Amino acid sequence: MDYLGVSERQLAKALERMLTDGKYELAASLLESSGGRFAGSDSVAKAERRIYLKLMEQFQNTDPFKFILYSARAREKTPQMAPGK
């Protein structure tokens, strides 16, 4: 459903503004609430990838669970840990 009535272009612009302002979690929330309505959009897909890469960067040293979650959403592989001896 489209409760906001925004176009693909408007959504992409809003996501870019949130990225510029460092509002990565807010941007991710907006993406999730859009329900994949613009899944075929290149501009939204590029913004989505940038958002999740920024979230990975933000949480890489503080929250391994968020790092793994966001890396999966960015379609990035996480480094494997060597087994302990």
Protein backbone atom coordinates (compact mmCIF):
# COMPACT_ATOMS: atom_id res chain seq x y z
CA MET A 1 0.00 0.00 0.00
CA ASP A 2 1.08 3.53 -0.64
CA TYR A 3 0.06 5.64 2.33
CA LEU A 4 2.36 8.54 1.56
CA GLY A 5 1.56 8.91 -2.12
CA VAL A 6 5.15 9.69 -3.08
CA SER A 7 6.78 8.99 -6.39
CA GLU A 8 9.96 7.00 -6.91
CA ARG A 9 11.85 10.24 -7.48
CA GLN A 10 10.52 11.80 -4.26
CA LEU A 11 11.46 8.72 -2.25
CA ALA A 12 14.97 8.63 -3.72
CA LYS A 13 15.46 12.35 -2.99
CA ALA A 14 14.26 11.92 0.59
CA LEU A 15 16.62 8.96 1.10
CA GLU A 16 19.54 10.97 -0.29
CA ARG A 17 18.77 13.88 2.05
CA MET A 18 18.66 11.51 5.01
CA LEU A 19 22.01 10.03 3.93
CA THR A 20 23.51 13.51 3.67
CA ASP A 21 22.22 14.34 7.15
CA GLY A 22 23.58 11.10 8.62
CA LYS A 23 20.09 9.78 9.42
CA TYR A 24 20.89 6.24 8.31
CA GLU A 25 18.48 4.37 10.59
CA LEU A 26 15.65 6.73 9.66
CA ALA A 27 16.39 6.13 5.97
CA ALA A 28 16.42 2.36 6.53
CA SER A 29 13.09 2.61 8.31
CA LEU A 30 11.62 4.56 5.40
CA LEU A 31 12.89 1.90 2.99
CA GLU A 32 11.33 -0.87 5.04
CA SER A 33 8.01 0.97 5.31
CA SER A 34 7.88 1.47 1.55
CA GLY A 35 7.41 -2.29 1.33
CA GLY A 36 9.49 -2.75 -1.77
CA ARG A 37 7.11 -0.63 -3.82
CA PHE A 38 10.05 0.67 -5.87
CA ALA A 39 12.06 -2.56 -5.88
CA GLY A 40 12.87 -2.16 -9.58
CA SER A 41 14.20 1.37 -9.21
CA ASP A 42 17.92 1.90 -9.76
CA SER A 43 18.00 5.14 -7.77
CA VAL A 44 16.25 3.59 -4.76
CA ALA A 45 18.45 0.48 -4.97
CA LYS A 46 21.61 2.61 -5.00
CA ALA A 47 20.40 4.64 -2.03
CA GLU A 48 19.45 1.43 -0.21
CA ARG A 49 22.93 -0.02 -0.67
CA ARG A 50 24.59 3.20 0.51
CA ILE A 51 22.32 3.34 3.57
CA TYR A 52 23.17 -0.19 4.66
CA LEU A 53 26.89 0.29 3.98
CA LYS A 54 26.84 3.39 6.18
CA LEU A 55 25.00 1.47 8.90
CA MET A 56 27.58 -1.32 8.67
CA GLU A 57 30.32 1.26 9.06
CA GLN A 58 28.54 2.87 12.01
CA PHE A 59 28.14 -0.38 13.94
CA GLN A 60 31.22 -2.35 12.87
CA ASN A 61 33.02 -1.82 16.18
CA THR A 62 30.13 -1.53 18.59
CA ASP A 63 27.33 -3.95 17.68
CA PRO A 64 28.25 -7.14 15.81
CA PHE A 65 24.60 -8.20 15.46
CA LYS A 66 23.57 -4.98 13.72
CA PHE A 67 26.73 -5.19 11.61
CA ILE A 68 25.76 -8.69 10.41
CA LEU A 69 22.14 -7.69 9.82
CA TYR A 70 23.05 -4.60 7.81
CA SER A 71 25.74 -6.42 5.85
CA ALA A 72 23.14 -8.97 4.75
CA ARG A 73 20.81 -6.19 3.66
CA ALA A 74 23.65 -4.54 1.74
CA ARG A 75 24.44 -7.94 0.18
CA GLU A 76 27.97 -7.83 1.56
CA LYS A 77 29.84 -10.84 2.82
CA THR A 78 31.10 -10.64 6.35
CA PRO A 79 34.63 -11.86 7.04
CA GLN A 80 34.82 -15.35 8.48
CA MET A 81 36.46 -15.75 11.86
CA ALA A 82 39.24 -18.27 12.15
CA PRO A 83 38.45 -21.10 14.58
CA GLY A 84 40.16 -20.74 17.95
CA LYS A 85 42.93 -23.09 18.96
